[in-house]
Amino acid sequence: MSGASRPSLNIKNINTDFAVSDLANAHWKKAERISVDRYWSGVEAPKGRRFSVRLLWPETAVYVRFEAN
């Protein structure tokens, strides 16, 4: 394996489940916003192909929220 560092992220652990349709839930504000602005190849994506994602981790699942234009 090369000495290059790999990207990593922290997923916020929460104590309770909530409906995945509840996009106004206060837990989402605690989740780190991760900007995705490159393709898997490392090439920069054009503005119309960028998005952000937030992740939460209750005891039973992993919630993923994508935000795109």
C-alpha atoms as a PDB file:
ATOM      1  CA  MET A   1       0.000   0.000   0.000  1.00  0.00           C
ATOM      2  CA  SER A   2       1.308   3.459  -0.833  1.00  0.00           C
ATOM      3  CA  GLY A   3       2.012   6.159   1.727  1.00  0.00           C
ATOM      4  CA  ALA A   4      -0.786   8.380   0.380  1.00  0.00           C
ATOM      5  CA  SER A   5      -3.460   9.131   2.956  1.00  0.00           C
ATOM      6  CA  ARG A   6      -7.003   8.093   2.231  1.00  0.00           C
ATOM      7  CA  PRO A   7      -9.963  10.386   2.809  1.00  0.00           C
ATOM      8  CA  SER A   8     -12.030   9.608   5.878  1.00  0.00           C
ATOM      9  CA  LEU A   9     -15.120  10.964   7.575  1.00  0.00           C
ATOM     10  CA  ASN A  10     -16.877  10.835  10.911  1.00  0.00           C
ATOM     11  CA  ILE A  11     -20.437   9.588  11.132  1.00  0.00           C
ATOM     12  CA  LYS A  12     -22.422  11.151  13.979  1.00  0.00           C
ATOM     13  CA  ASN A  13     -23.890   8.528  16.325  1.00  0.00           C
ATOM     14  CA  ILE A  14     -27.378   9.355  17.607  1.00  0.00           C
ATOM     15  CA  ASN A  15     -29.499   7.771  20.364  1.00  0.00           C
ATOM     16  CA  THR A  16     -32.829   7.570  18.556  1.00  0.00           C
ATOM     17  CA  ASP A  17     -34.280   6.545  15.234  1.00  0.00           C
ATOM     18  CA  PHE A  18     -36.544   8.881  13.287  1.00  0.00           C
ATOM     19  CA  ALA A  19     -38.471   8.702  10.034  1.00  0.00           C
ATOM     20  CA  VAL A  20     -36.121   9.028   7.068  1.00  0.00           C
ATOM     21  CA  SER A  21     -38.668  11.380   5.499  1.00  0.00           C
ATOM     22  CA  ASP A  22     -38.176  13.804   8.430  1.00  0.00           C
ATOM     23  CA  LEU A  23     -35.661  16.098   6.703  1.00  0.00           C
ATOM     24  CA  ALA A  24     -36.294  18.838   9.293  1.00  0.00           C
ATOM     25  CA  ASN A  25     -35.184  16.627  12.190  1.00  0.00           C
ATOM     26  CA  ALA A  26     -32.663  18.439  14.422  1.00  0.00           C
ATOM     27  CA  HIS A  27     -30.221  15.513  14.210  1.00  0.00           C
ATOM     28  CA  TRP A  28     -29.410  16.420  10.597  1.00  0.00           C
ATOM     29  CA  LYS A  29     -27.927  19.742  11.776  1.00  0.00           C
ATOM     30  CA  LYS A  30     -25.445  17.807  13.932  1.00  0.00           C
ATOM     31  CA  ALA A  31     -24.244  15.687  11.005  1.00  0.00           C
ATOM     32  CA  GLU A  32     -21.106  16.821   9.209  1.00  0.00           C
ATOM     33  CA  ARG A  33     -21.739  18.069   5.656  1.00  0.00           C
ATOM     34  CA  ILE A  34     -19.403  16.399   3.175  1.00  0.00           C
ATOM     35  CA  SER A  35     -18.979  18.038  -0.219  1.00  0.00           C
ATOM     36  CA  VAL A  36     -18.447  15.726  -3.179  1.00  0.00           C
ATOM     37  CA  ASP A  37     -16.919  17.702  -6.033  1.00  0.00           C
ATOM     38  CA  ARG A  38     -14.812  15.090  -7.830  1.00  0.00           C
ATOM     39  CA  TYR A  39     -15.504  11.981  -9.839  1.00  0.00           C
ATOM     40  CA  TRP A  40     -14.210   8.636  -8.574  1.00  0.00           C
ATOM     41  CA  SER A  41     -11.220   9.115 -10.898  1.00  0.00           C
ATOM     42  CA  GLY A  42     -10.195  12.289  -9.046  1.00  0.00           C
ATOM     43  CA  VAL A  43     -11.164  14.598 -11.904  1.00  0.00           C
ATOM     44  CA  GLU A  44     -13.024  17.705 -10.741  1.00  0.00           C
ATOM     45  CA  ALA A  45     -16.754  17.461 -11.451  1.00  0.00           C
ATOM     46  CA  PRO A  46     -18.569  20.350 -13.167  1.00  0.00           C
ATOM     47  CA  LYS A  47     -20.878  22.418 -10.930  1.00  0.00           C
ATOM     48  CA  GLY A  48     -24.007  20.586 -12.105  1.00  0.00           C
ATOM     49  CA  ARG A  49     -22.539  17.244 -10.986  1.00  0.00           C
ATOM     50  CA  ARG A  50     -21.589  18.171  -7.409  1.00  0.00           C
ATOM     51  CA  PHE A  51     -23.525  17.358  -4.256  1.00  0.00           C
ATOM     52  CA  SER A  52     -23.197  17.118  -0.501  1.00  0.00           C
ATOM     53  CA  VAL A  53     -24.042  14.308   1.849  1.00  0.00           C
ATOM     54  CA  ARG A  54     -24.732  13.965   5.575  1.00  0.00           C
ATOM     55  CA  LEU A  55     -24.586  10.696   7.507  1.00  0.00           C
ATOM     56  CA  LEU A  56     -26.113   9.659  10.831  1.00  0.00           C
ATOM     57  CA  TRP A  57     -25.726   6.399  12.681  1.00  0.00           C
ATOM     58  CA  PRO A  58     -28.425   5.319  15.133  1.00  0.00           C
ATOM     59  CA  GLU A  59     -28.265   1.844  16.674  1.00  0.00           C
ATOM     60  CA  THR A  60     -30.263   0.167  13.887  1.00  0.00           C
ATOM     61  CA  ALA A  61     -29.106   1.701  10.593  1.00  0.00           C
ATOM     62  CA  VAL A  62     -27.042   4.300   8.763  1.00  0.00           C
ATOM     63  CA  TYR A  63     -28.960   7.324   7.457  1.00  0.00           C
ATOM     64  CA  VAL A  64     -27.618   9.032   4.351  1.00  0.00           C
ATOM     65  CA  ARG A  65     -28.976  12.378   3.172  1.00  0.00           C
ATOM     66  CA  PHE A  66     -27.948  13.645  -0.255  1.00  0.00           C
ATOM     67  CA  GLU A  67     -28.354  17.337  -1.124  1.00  0.00           C
ATOM     68  CA  ALA A  68     -27.997  18.350  -4.751  1.00  0.00           C
ATOM     69  CA  ASN A  69     -29.207  21.051  -7.127  1.00  0.00           C
END
